[in-house]
N, C-alpha and C. Protein backbone atom coordinates (compact mmCIF):
# COMPACT_ATOMS: atom_id res chain seq x y z
N UNK A 1 -12.33 -4.70 13.11
CA UNK A 1 -10.94 -4.96 12.73
C UNK A 1 -10.22 -3.65 12.41
N UNK A 2 -8.94 -3.59 12.73
CA UNK A 2 -8.17 -2.40 12.39
C UNK A 2 -7.69 -2.51 10.94
N UNK A 3 -7.15 -1.43 10.42
CA UNK A 3 -6.77 -1.35 9.01
C UNK A 3 -5.88 -2.51 8.55
N UNK A 4 -4.77 -2.83 9.25
CA UNK A 4 -3.93 -3.94 8.77
C UNK A 4 -4.67 -5.28 8.76
N UNK A 5 -5.55 -5.50 9.73
CA UNK A 5 -6.30 -6.75 9.77
C UNK A 5 -7.27 -6.85 8.60
N UNK A 6 -7.93 -5.76 8.28
CA UNK A 6 -8.83 -5.75 7.12
C UNK A 6 -8.04 -6.00 5.83
N UNK A 7 -6.89 -5.36 5.74
CA UNK A 7 -6.04 -5.51 4.56
C UNK A 7 -5.60 -6.97 4.41
N UNK A 8 -5.17 -7.57 5.52
CA UNK A 8 -4.73 -8.98 5.50
C UNK A 8 -5.87 -9.88 5.03
N UNK A 9 -7.05 -9.64 5.59
CA UNK A 9 -8.22 -10.45 5.24
C UNK A 9 -8.53 -10.34 3.75
N UNK A 10 -8.40 -9.15 3.20
CA UNK A 10 -8.63 -8.94 1.76
C UNK A 10 -7.62 -9.73 0.93
N UNK A 11 -6.36 -9.66 1.34
CA UNK A 11 -5.30 -10.34 0.59
C UNK A 11 -5.47 -11.85 0.62
N UNK A 12 -5.97 -12.37 1.72
CA UNK A 12 -6.14 -13.81 1.87
C UNK A 12 -7.43 -14.32 1.24
N UNK A 13 -8.33 -13.42 0.91
CA UNK A 13 -9.61 -13.83 0.32
C UNK A 13 -9.48 -13.91 -1.20
N UNK A 14 -10.36 -14.66 -1.80
CA UNK A 14 -10.39 -14.75 -3.27
C UNK A 14 -11.42 -13.77 -3.84
N UNK A 15 -11.95 -12.93 -3.00
CA UNK A 15 -13.03 -12.03 -3.41
C UNK A 15 -12.54 -10.83 -4.22
N UNK A 16 -11.28 -10.43 -4.03
CA UNK A 16 -10.79 -9.20 -4.66
C UNK A 16 -9.73 -9.48 -5.72
N UNK A 17 -9.90 -8.86 -6.87
CA UNK A 17 -8.92 -9.01 -7.96
C UNK A 17 -7.97 -7.81 -8.01
N UNK A 18 -8.27 -6.77 -7.25
CA UNK A 18 -7.51 -5.53 -7.35
C UNK A 18 -6.33 -5.44 -6.39
N UNK A 19 -6.20 -6.39 -5.49
CA UNK A 19 -5.11 -6.36 -4.51
C UNK A 19 -4.64 -7.79 -4.27
N UNK A 20 -3.32 -7.98 -4.21
CA UNK A 20 -2.77 -9.32 -4.03
C UNK A 20 -1.38 -9.24 -3.45
N UNK A 21 -0.91 -10.40 -2.96
CA UNK A 21 0.47 -10.50 -2.47
C UNK A 21 1.41 -10.52 -3.66
N UNK A 22 2.58 -9.93 -3.50
CA UNK A 22 3.62 -10.07 -4.52
C UNK A 22 4.05 -11.53 -4.55
N UNK A 23 4.81 -11.89 -5.56
CA UNK A 23 5.25 -13.28 -5.70
C UNK A 23 5.99 -13.77 -4.45
N UNK A 24 6.81 -12.92 -3.86
CA UNK A 24 7.59 -13.30 -2.68
C UNK A 24 6.75 -13.29 -1.41
N UNK A 25 5.59 -12.60 -1.45
CA UNK A 25 4.76 -12.50 -0.26
C UNK A 25 5.22 -11.44 0.72
N UNK A 26 6.19 -10.64 0.31
CA UNK A 26 6.72 -9.60 1.20
C UNK A 26 6.14 -8.22 0.92
N UNK A 27 5.43 -8.08 -0.18
CA UNK A 27 4.83 -6.81 -0.57
C UNK A 27 3.39 -7.05 -0.99
N UNK A 28 2.64 -5.97 -0.99
CA UNK A 28 1.30 -6.05 -1.56
C UNK A 28 1.30 -5.27 -2.87
N UNK A 29 0.49 -5.73 -3.79
CA UNK A 29 0.34 -5.06 -5.09
C UNK A 29 -1.11 -4.61 -5.19
N UNK A 30 -1.30 -3.38 -5.67
CA UNK A 30 -2.63 -2.81 -5.78
C UNK A 30 -2.81 -2.27 -7.19
N UNK A 31 -3.81 -2.78 -7.91
CA UNK A 31 -4.18 -2.22 -9.20
C UNK A 31 -5.06 -1.02 -8.88
N UNK A 32 -4.48 0.16 -9.02
CA UNK A 32 -5.11 1.39 -8.54
C UNK A 32 -6.52 1.61 -9.08
N UNK A 33 -6.68 1.51 -10.39
CA UNK A 33 -8.00 1.77 -10.99
C UNK A 33 -9.04 0.76 -10.54
N UNK A 34 -8.68 -0.51 -10.59
CA UNK A 34 -9.62 -1.56 -10.20
C UNK A 34 -9.93 -1.49 -8.71
N UNK A 35 -8.94 -1.18 -7.88
CA UNK A 35 -9.13 -1.07 -6.44
C UNK A 35 -10.12 0.06 -6.12
N UNK A 36 -9.97 1.17 -6.83
CA UNK A 36 -10.87 2.32 -6.63
C UNK A 36 -12.32 1.88 -6.86
N UNK A 37 -12.52 1.10 -7.91
CA UNK A 37 -13.88 0.67 -8.26
C UNK A 37 -14.36 -0.47 -7.36
N UNK A 38 -13.51 -1.50 -7.22
CA UNK A 38 -13.90 -2.73 -6.55
C UNK A 38 -13.99 -2.61 -5.02
N UNK A 39 -13.12 -1.82 -4.42
CA UNK A 39 -13.07 -1.74 -2.95
C UNK A 39 -13.56 -0.40 -2.44
N UNK A 40 -12.96 0.66 -2.91
CA UNK A 40 -13.30 1.99 -2.38
C UNK A 40 -14.67 2.46 -2.85
N UNK A 41 -15.16 1.89 -3.93
CA UNK A 41 -16.47 2.28 -4.45
C UNK A 41 -17.63 1.58 -3.78
N UNK A 42 -17.35 0.66 -2.88
CA UNK A 42 -18.42 -0.08 -2.19
C UNK A 42 -19.14 0.81 -1.18
N UNK A 43 -20.42 0.55 -1.03
CA UNK A 43 -21.22 1.30 -0.05
C UNK A 43 -22.04 0.32 0.78
N UNK A 44 -22.64 0.84 1.81
CA UNK A 44 -23.51 0.03 2.65
C UNK A 44 -22.78 -1.08 3.38
N UNK A 45 -23.44 -2.21 3.58
CA UNK A 45 -22.84 -3.31 4.36
C UNK A 45 -21.65 -3.97 3.67
N UNK A 46 -21.49 -3.77 2.37
CA UNK A 46 -20.36 -4.37 1.65
C UNK A 46 -19.10 -3.51 1.71
N UNK A 47 -19.22 -2.34 2.31
CA UNK A 47 -18.09 -1.42 2.41
C UNK A 47 -16.98 -2.02 3.27
N UNK A 48 -15.73 -1.93 2.76
CA UNK A 48 -14.59 -2.51 3.46
C UNK A 48 -13.92 -1.46 4.35
N UNK A 49 -13.63 -0.31 3.77
CA UNK A 49 -12.96 0.77 4.50
C UNK A 49 -13.88 1.98 4.58
N UNK A 50 -13.62 2.85 5.53
CA UNK A 50 -14.45 4.06 5.71
C UNK A 50 -14.09 5.13 4.69
N UNK A 51 -13.11 4.87 3.84
CA UNK A 51 -12.67 5.88 2.87
C UNK A 51 -13.17 5.55 1.48
N UNK A 52 -13.21 6.56 0.62
CA UNK A 52 -13.65 6.36 -0.75
C UNK A 52 -12.61 6.81 -1.77
N UNK A 53 -11.52 7.39 -1.30
CA UNK A 53 -10.50 7.91 -2.23
C UNK A 53 -9.19 7.17 -2.06
N UNK A 54 -8.50 6.99 -3.17
CA UNK A 54 -7.22 6.28 -3.17
C UNK A 54 -6.21 7.02 -2.30
N UNK A 55 -6.25 8.33 -2.33
CA UNK A 55 -5.32 9.13 -1.53
C UNK A 55 -5.47 8.81 -0.04
N UNK A 56 -6.69 8.61 0.42
CA UNK A 56 -6.94 8.27 1.82
C UNK A 56 -6.44 6.87 2.15
N UNK A 57 -6.60 5.94 1.20
CA UNK A 57 -6.11 4.58 1.41
C UNK A 57 -4.58 4.59 1.53
N UNK A 58 -3.93 5.32 0.64
CA UNK A 58 -2.46 5.42 0.67
C UNK A 58 -2.01 6.08 1.97
N UNK A 59 -2.74 7.08 2.46
CA UNK A 59 -2.42 7.73 3.73
C UNK A 59 -2.47 6.70 4.87
N UNK A 60 -3.48 5.83 4.85
CA UNK A 60 -3.57 4.79 5.88
C UNK A 60 -2.38 3.84 5.80
N UNK A 61 -2.02 3.44 4.58
CA UNK A 61 -0.84 2.58 4.41
C UNK A 61 0.38 3.24 5.05
N UNK A 62 0.58 4.51 4.75
CA UNK A 62 1.73 5.24 5.29
C UNK A 62 1.68 5.35 6.81
N UNK A 63 0.50 5.60 7.36
CA UNK A 63 0.36 5.70 8.81
C UNK A 63 0.69 4.39 9.51
N UNK A 64 0.49 3.28 8.83
CA UNK A 64 0.79 1.97 9.41
C UNK A 64 2.17 1.45 9.01
N UNK A 65 3.01 2.32 8.48
CA UNK A 65 4.40 1.96 8.22
C UNK A 65 4.70 1.32 6.88
N UNK A 66 3.76 1.35 5.94
CA UNK A 66 4.02 0.83 4.61
C UNK A 66 4.79 1.87 3.80
N UNK A 67 5.70 1.41 2.99
CA UNK A 67 6.42 2.31 2.09
C UNK A 67 6.21 1.85 0.66
N UNK A 68 6.07 2.82 -0.22
CA UNK A 68 5.87 2.53 -1.63
C UNK A 68 7.22 2.11 -2.22
N UNK A 69 7.20 1.06 -3.01
CA UNK A 69 8.43 0.62 -3.65
C UNK A 69 8.19 0.54 -5.16
N UNK A 70 9.26 0.66 -5.90
CA UNK A 70 9.16 0.56 -7.35
C UNK A 70 9.42 -0.87 -7.76
N UNK A 71 8.70 -1.31 -8.76
CA UNK A 71 8.88 -2.65 -9.29
C UNK A 71 10.15 -2.63 -10.12
N UNK A 72 11.03 -3.58 -9.88
CA UNK A 72 12.30 -3.67 -10.62
C UNK A 72 12.14 -4.59 -11.81
N UNK A 73 12.31 -4.05 -12.97
CA UNK A 73 12.28 -4.86 -14.19
C UNK A 73 13.69 -4.98 -14.71
N UNK A 74 14.14 -6.20 -14.96
CA UNK A 74 15.45 -6.38 -15.57
C UNK A 74 15.34 -6.00 -17.03
N UNK A 75 16.34 -5.32 -17.54
CA UNK A 75 16.30 -4.84 -18.92
C UNK A 75 17.09 -5.77 -19.83
N UNK A 76 16.53 -6.04 -20.99
CA UNK A 76 17.21 -6.87 -21.98
C UNK A 76 18.14 -6.01 -22.82
N UNK A 77 19.13 -6.67 -23.39
CA UNK A 77 20.12 -5.96 -24.19
C UNK A 77 19.58 -5.62 -25.58
N UNK A 78 18.74 -6.48 -26.15
CA UNK A 78 18.28 -6.24 -27.52
C UNK A 78 17.14 -5.23 -27.54
N UNK A 79 17.11 -4.40 -28.58
CA UNK A 79 16.10 -3.35 -28.68
C UNK A 79 14.67 -3.89 -28.71
N UNK A 80 14.36 -4.90 -29.55
CA UNK A 80 12.97 -5.39 -29.56
C UNK A 80 12.52 -5.92 -28.19
N UNK A 81 13.40 -6.63 -27.49
CA UNK A 81 13.05 -7.14 -26.18
C UNK A 81 12.87 -5.99 -25.19
N UNK A 82 13.77 -4.99 -25.30
CA UNK A 82 13.69 -3.83 -24.43
C UNK A 82 12.36 -3.11 -24.63
N UNK A 83 11.96 -2.90 -25.89
CA UNK A 83 10.70 -2.20 -26.19
C UNK A 83 9.49 -3.00 -25.69
N UNK A 84 9.56 -4.33 -25.84
CA UNK A 84 8.47 -5.17 -25.34
C UNK A 84 8.37 -5.06 -23.82
N UNK A 85 9.52 -5.02 -23.14
CA UNK A 85 9.52 -4.89 -21.69
C UNK A 85 9.02 -3.51 -21.26
N UNK A 86 9.35 -2.49 -22.04
CA UNK A 86 8.85 -1.14 -21.74
C UNK A 86 7.33 -1.12 -21.82
N UNK A 87 6.77 -1.79 -22.85
CA UNK A 87 5.31 -1.85 -23.00
C UNK A 87 4.69 -2.58 -21.81
N UNK A 88 5.33 -3.67 -21.39
CA UNK A 88 4.83 -4.43 -20.23
C UNK A 88 4.91 -3.57 -18.97
N UNK A 89 5.98 -2.82 -18.82
CA UNK A 89 6.13 -1.95 -17.65
C UNK A 89 5.05 -0.88 -17.65
N UNK A 90 4.73 -0.34 -18.84
CA UNK A 90 3.69 0.68 -18.93
C UNK A 90 2.34 0.11 -18.49
N UNK A 91 2.10 -1.16 -18.83
CA UNK A 91 0.85 -1.80 -18.43
C UNK A 91 0.77 -1.94 -16.92
N UNK A 92 1.93 -2.01 -16.26
CA UNK A 92 1.98 -2.14 -14.81
C UNK A 92 2.06 -0.79 -14.09
N UNK A 93 2.02 0.31 -14.85
CA UNK A 93 2.22 1.61 -14.24
C UNK A 93 1.14 1.96 -13.22
N UNK A 94 -0.05 1.39 -13.35
CA UNK A 94 -1.12 1.67 -12.40
C UNK A 94 -1.12 0.66 -11.26
N UNK A 95 -0.10 -0.19 -11.20
CA UNK A 95 0.00 -1.14 -10.11
C UNK A 95 1.00 -0.59 -9.10
N UNK A 96 0.53 -0.41 -7.89
CA UNK A 96 1.35 0.16 -6.82
C UNK A 96 1.82 -0.97 -5.92
N UNK A 97 3.06 -0.88 -5.46
CA UNK A 97 3.63 -1.90 -4.58
C UNK A 97 4.00 -1.25 -3.25
N UNK A 98 3.60 -1.91 -2.15
CA UNK A 98 3.89 -1.39 -0.82
C UNK A 98 4.50 -2.48 0.04
N UNK A 99 5.44 -2.06 0.88
CA UNK A 99 6.18 -2.98 1.74
C UNK A 99 6.09 -2.53 3.19
N UNK A 100 5.94 -3.50 4.08
CA UNK A 100 6.00 -3.27 5.52
C UNK A 100 6.65 -4.51 6.12
N UNK A 101 7.75 -4.38 6.85
CA UNK A 101 8.43 -5.56 7.39
C UNK A 101 7.55 -6.38 8.34
N UNK A 102 6.51 -5.78 8.87
CA UNK A 102 5.61 -6.49 9.78
C UNK A 102 4.34 -6.98 9.08
N UNK A 103 4.38 -7.02 7.76
CA UNK A 103 3.20 -7.43 7.01
C UNK A 103 3.66 -8.31 5.85
N UNK A 104 3.85 -9.60 6.14
CA UNK A 104 4.28 -10.54 5.11
C UNK A 104 3.39 -11.78 5.14
N UNK A 105 3.20 -12.36 3.97
CA UNK A 105 2.29 -13.50 3.83
C UNK A 105 2.68 -14.68 4.71
N UNK A 106 3.96 -14.97 4.80
CA UNK A 106 4.42 -16.16 5.53
C UNK A 106 4.48 -15.97 7.04
N UNK A 107 4.30 -14.75 7.53
CA UNK A 107 4.44 -14.49 8.97
C UNK A 107 3.25 -13.70 9.51
N UNK A 108 2.07 -14.32 9.57
CA UNK A 108 0.89 -13.58 10.05
C UNK A 108 1.02 -13.11 11.50
N UNK A 109 1.88 -13.75 12.29
CA UNK A 109 2.05 -13.34 13.69
C UNK A 109 2.66 -11.93 13.80
N UNK A 110 3.34 -11.46 12.74
CA UNK A 110 3.92 -10.11 12.76
C UNK A 110 2.86 -9.01 12.62
N UNK A 111 1.68 -9.41 12.20
CA UNK A 111 0.60 -8.44 11.97
C UNK A 111 0.33 -7.59 13.22
N UNK A 112 0.48 -8.18 14.39
CA UNK A 112 0.24 -7.42 15.64
C UNK A 112 1.24 -6.29 15.83
N UNK A 113 2.38 -6.35 15.14
CA UNK A 113 3.38 -5.28 15.24
C UNK A 113 3.12 -4.13 14.27
N UNK A 114 2.22 -4.35 13.31
CA UNK A 114 1.88 -3.31 12.34
C UNK A 114 0.91 -2.34 13.02
N UNK A 115 1.45 -1.36 13.68
CA UNK A 115 0.64 -0.40 14.45
C UNK A 115 0.65 0.97 13.79
N UNK A 116 -0.43 1.67 14.03
CA UNK A 116 -0.55 3.02 13.51
C UNK A 116 0.44 3.94 14.21
N UNK A 117 1.12 4.74 13.43
CA UNK A 117 2.04 5.71 14.00
C UNK A 117 1.24 6.79 14.69
N UNK A 118 1.65 7.17 15.86
CA UNK A 118 0.91 8.20 16.60
C UNK A 118 1.65 9.51 16.62
N UNK A 119 0.94 10.58 16.86
CA UNK A 119 1.54 11.89 17.05
C UNK A 119 2.35 12.40 15.89
N UNK A 120 1.76 12.40 14.70
CA UNK A 120 2.50 12.87 13.53
C UNK A 120 2.78 14.38 13.59
N UNK A 121 2.07 15.11 14.44
CA UNK A 121 2.26 16.56 14.52
C UNK A 121 3.13 16.94 15.71
N UNK A 122 3.99 16.04 16.12
CA UNK A 122 4.88 16.33 17.25
C UNK A 122 5.90 17.40 16.88
N UNK A 123 6.37 18.10 17.90
CA UNK A 123 7.39 19.13 17.70
C UNK A 123 8.72 18.46 17.36
N UNK A 124 9.43 19.05 16.44
CA UNK A 124 10.75 18.54 16.10
C UNK A 124 11.66 18.66 17.32
N UNK A 125 12.57 17.70 17.56
CA UNK A 125 13.39 17.72 18.77
C UNK A 125 14.23 18.99 18.95
N UNK A 126 14.68 19.60 17.86
CA UNK A 126 15.52 20.78 17.95
C UNK A 126 14.74 22.09 17.81
N UNK A 127 13.43 21.99 17.67
CA UNK A 127 12.63 23.20 17.45
C UNK A 127 12.57 24.04 18.74
N UNK A 128 12.69 25.34 18.61
CA UNK A 128 12.62 26.19 19.80
C UNK A 128 11.16 26.26 20.29
N UNK A 129 11.00 26.51 21.57
CA UNK A 129 9.67 26.63 22.16
C UNK A 129 9.05 27.94 21.68
N UNK A 130 7.74 27.89 21.42
CA UNK A 130 7.01 29.09 21.00
C UNK A 130 6.28 29.63 22.21
N UNK A 131 6.66 30.81 22.70
CA UNK A 131 6.00 31.37 23.88
C UNK A 131 5.19 32.62 23.55
N UNK A 132 5.13 32.98 22.27
CA UNK A 132 4.33 34.14 21.88
C UNK A 132 5.09 35.45 21.90
N UNK A 133 6.29 35.51 22.49
CA UNK A 133 7.04 36.77 22.50
C UNK A 133 7.96 36.84 21.29
N UNK A 134 8.23 38.05 20.77
CA UNK A 134 9.07 38.20 19.56
C UNK A 134 10.54 37.94 19.81
């Protein structure tokens, strides 16, 4: 299976507590610390991905068109409620949210469009040709 297919399978399984669909099903949520231990720390036949570092997992997400998004918390007007919400937001600080328009819970048929970006080291369109002469 390719990366998006493995990711989809993980999200649809009840086996993992470190990654889940957002409430709307349009984003994925990853508890960074738990994911590192539960998924990336696996070895042998239980290994899910060929990577062991969170940075490599995030790189794969980016290569497949996922973008990191910030969780929007509505703020209350009263100070005690605001402080309580700040504490709740801090508890969520290790939870990362990623979005890809071709990766949503309600539309599994879009998964085939979630393709790895190719040729990231391409020459910029306006870059001059390098021929070795000064």
